[in-house]
Amino acid sequence: MPNSDYPFVFECTTCDQETTVTREDALGLYPDPESTNAARVVLEQRGWMRGTSEDMLFCPACAGGQPSSPIDQPRDSAPIKPME
């Protein structure tokens, strides 16, 4: 996300709940808010989980019943993309 345009809005695949990640959020949890890992770290700290498919993302309320993995686990596919 070099030169990223914060904020990023992410949406739960199941219930459409949204969470917004701002540069300040990322800076508070990750030393470089422009890093490709910064938004992932914020999402994980908030309890959001990735599903079995790369484009699936679950809020904390929905993550419990879904097969999911922590946001920051390495994957072979592209990173989670924020909503546009």
C-alpha atoms as a PDB file:
ATOM      1  CA  MET A   1       0.000   0.000   0.000  1.00  0.00           C
ATOM      2  CA  PRO A   2       2.758   2.502  -0.618  1.00  0.00           C
ATOM      3  CA  ASN A   3       1.332   6.029  -0.824  1.00  0.00           C
ATOM      4  CA  SER A   4      -2.008   4.612   0.272  1.00  0.00           C
ATOM      5  CA  ASP A   5      -5.062   6.770   0.355  1.00  0.00           C
ATOM      6  CA  TYR A   6      -6.541   6.177   3.771  1.00  0.00           C
ATOM      7  CA  PRO A   7      -9.128   5.499   5.056  1.00  0.00           C
ATOM      8  CA  PHE A   8      -9.856   1.942   3.896  1.00  0.00           C
ATOM      9  CA  VAL A   9     -13.306   0.465   4.443  1.00  0.00           C
ATOM     10  CA  PHE A  10     -13.647  -3.309   4.777  1.00  0.00           C
ATOM     11  CA  GLU A  11     -16.962  -5.182   4.743  1.00  0.00           C
ATOM     12  CA  CYS A  12     -17.903  -8.499   6.360  1.00  0.00           C
ATOM     13  CA  THR A  13     -18.775 -11.161   3.792  1.00  0.00           C
ATOM     14  CA  THR A  14     -21.652 -12.489   5.918  1.00  0.00           C
ATOM     15  CA  CYS A  15     -23.415  -9.555   7.568  1.00  0.00           C
ATOM     16  CA  ASP A  16     -22.099  -6.515   5.666  1.00  0.00           C
ATOM     17  CA  GLN A  17     -20.747  -4.921   8.862  1.00  0.00           C
ATOM     18  CA  GLU A  18     -18.042  -2.424   7.984  1.00  0.00           C
ATOM     19  CA  THR A  19     -14.843  -1.352   9.676  1.00  0.00           C
ATOM     20  CA  THR A  20     -12.665   1.556   8.656  1.00  0.00           C
ATOM     21  CA  VAL A  21      -8.884   1.586   8.951  1.00  0.00           C
ATOM     22  CA  THR A  22      -7.325   5.035   9.123  1.00  0.00           C
ATOM     23  CA  ARG A  23      -3.665   5.972   8.871  1.00  0.00           C
ATOM     24  CA  GLU A  24      -3.765   6.798  12.596  1.00  0.00           C
ATOM     25  CA  ASP A  25      -5.104   3.296  13.356  1.00  0.00           C
ATOM     26  CA  ALA A  26      -2.296   1.737  11.341  1.00  0.00           C
ATOM     27  CA  LEU A  27       0.362   3.989  12.868  1.00  0.00           C
ATOM     28  CA  GLY A  28      -0.810   3.035  16.341  1.00  0.00           C
ATOM     29  CA  LEU A  29      -0.262  -0.673  15.667  1.00  0.00           C
ATOM     30  CA  TYR A  30       2.381  -0.806  12.970  1.00  0.00           C
ATOM     31  CA  PRO A  31       5.532   1.320  12.632  1.00  0.00           C
ATOM     32  CA  ASP A  32       4.994   2.098   8.939  1.00  0.00           C
ATOM     33  CA  PRO A  33       1.360   2.854   8.023  1.00  0.00           C
ATOM     34  CA  GLU A  34       2.300   2.639   4.336  1.00  0.00           C
ATOM     35  CA  SER A  35       3.386  -0.997   4.719  1.00  0.00           C
ATOM     36  CA  THR A  36       1.327  -3.669   2.983  1.00  0.00           C
ATOM     37  CA  ASN A  37       0.870  -5.300   6.404  1.00  0.00           C
ATOM     38  CA  ALA A  38      -0.467  -2.261   8.255  1.00  0.00           C
ATOM     39  CA  ALA A  39      -4.189  -2.645   7.457  1.00  0.00           C
ATOM     40  CA  ARG A  40      -3.967  -6.409   8.025  1.00  0.00           C
ATOM     41  CA  VAL A  41      -2.514  -5.861  11.494  1.00  0.00           C
ATOM     42  CA  VAL A  42      -5.317  -3.434  12.379  1.00  0.00           C
ATOM     43  CA  LEU A  43      -7.977  -5.866  11.110  1.00  0.00           C
ATOM     44  CA  GLU A  44      -6.477  -8.750  13.077  1.00  0.00           C
ATOM     45  CA  GLN A  45      -6.290  -6.653  16.252  1.00  0.00           C
ATOM     46  CA  ARG A  46      -9.990  -5.896  15.800  1.00  0.00           C
ATOM     47  CA  GLY A  47     -10.796  -9.608  15.518  1.00  0.00           C
ATOM     48  CA  TRP A  48     -11.522  -9.702  11.794  1.00  0.00           C
ATOM     49  CA  MET A  49     -10.643 -12.983  10.084  1.00  0.00           C
ATOM     50  CA  ARG A  50     -10.048 -14.070   6.497  1.00  0.00           C
ATOM     51  CA  GLY A  51     -12.100 -16.985   5.154  1.00  0.00           C
ATOM     52  CA  THR A  52     -10.990 -19.920   3.057  1.00  0.00           C
ATOM     53  CA  SER A  53     -11.229 -17.779  -0.075  1.00  0.00           C
ATOM     54  CA  GLU A  54      -8.969 -14.731  -0.416  1.00  0.00           C
ATOM     55  CA  ASP A  55     -11.897 -12.371  -0.980  1.00  0.00           C
ATOM     56  CA  MET A  56     -13.771 -13.497   2.162  1.00  0.00           C
ATOM     57  CA  LEU A  57     -13.463 -11.365   5.304  1.00  0.00           C
ATOM     58  CA  PHE A  58     -15.461 -11.847   8.515  1.00  0.00           C
ATOM     59  CA  CYS A  59     -16.202  -9.483  11.391  1.00  0.00           C
ATOM     60  CA  PRO A  60     -15.629 -10.775  14.945  1.00  0.00           C
ATOM     61  CA  ALA A  61     -19.317 -11.706  15.350  1.00  0.00           C
ATOM     62  CA  CYS A  62     -19.335 -13.825  12.189  1.00  0.00           C
ATOM     63  CA  ALA A  63     -15.776 -15.201  12.409  1.00  0.00           C
ATOM     64  CA  GLY A  64     -16.625 -17.730  15.117  1.00  0.00           C
ATOM     65  CA  GLY A  65     -18.731 -19.925  12.830  1.00  0.00           C
ATOM     66  CA  GLN A  66     -16.613 -19.603   9.707  1.00  0.00           C
ATOM     67  CA  PRO A  67     -13.568 -21.598   8.708  1.00  0.00           C
ATOM     68  CA  SER A  68     -11.028 -18.818   8.834  1.00  0.00           C
ATOM     69  CA  SER A  69      -7.414 -17.988   9.372  1.00  0.00           C
ATOM     70  CA  PRO A  70      -5.659 -14.998  10.892  1.00  0.00           C
ATOM     71  CA  ILE A  71      -5.361 -12.060   8.530  1.00  0.00           C
ATOM     72  CA  ASP A  72      -1.581 -12.014   8.607  1.00  0.00           C
ATOM     73  CA  GLN A  73      -0.927 -15.639   7.652  1.00  0.00           C
ATOM     74  CA  PRO A  74       0.951 -15.830   4.358  1.00  0.00           C
ATOM     75  CA  ARG A  75      -1.121 -16.798   1.343  1.00  0.00           C
ATOM     76  CA  ASP A  76      -0.254 -17.632  -2.237  1.00  0.00           C
ATOM     77  CA  SER A  77      -2.860 -15.257  -3.654  1.00  0.00           C
ATOM     78  CA  ALA A  78      -3.279 -11.478  -3.680  1.00  0.00           C
ATOM     79  CA  PRO A  79      -3.819  -9.521  -0.441  1.00  0.00           C
ATOM     80  CA  ILE A  80      -7.255  -8.492   0.815  1.00  0.00           C
ATOM     81  CA  LYS A  81      -8.488  -5.488  -1.105  1.00  0.00           C
ATOM     82  CA  PRO A  82     -10.465  -2.703   0.560  1.00  0.00           C
ATOM     83  CA  MET A  83     -13.901  -1.830  -0.783  1.00  0.00           C
ATOM     84  CA  GLU A  84     -13.980   0.892  -3.395  1.00  0.00           C
END
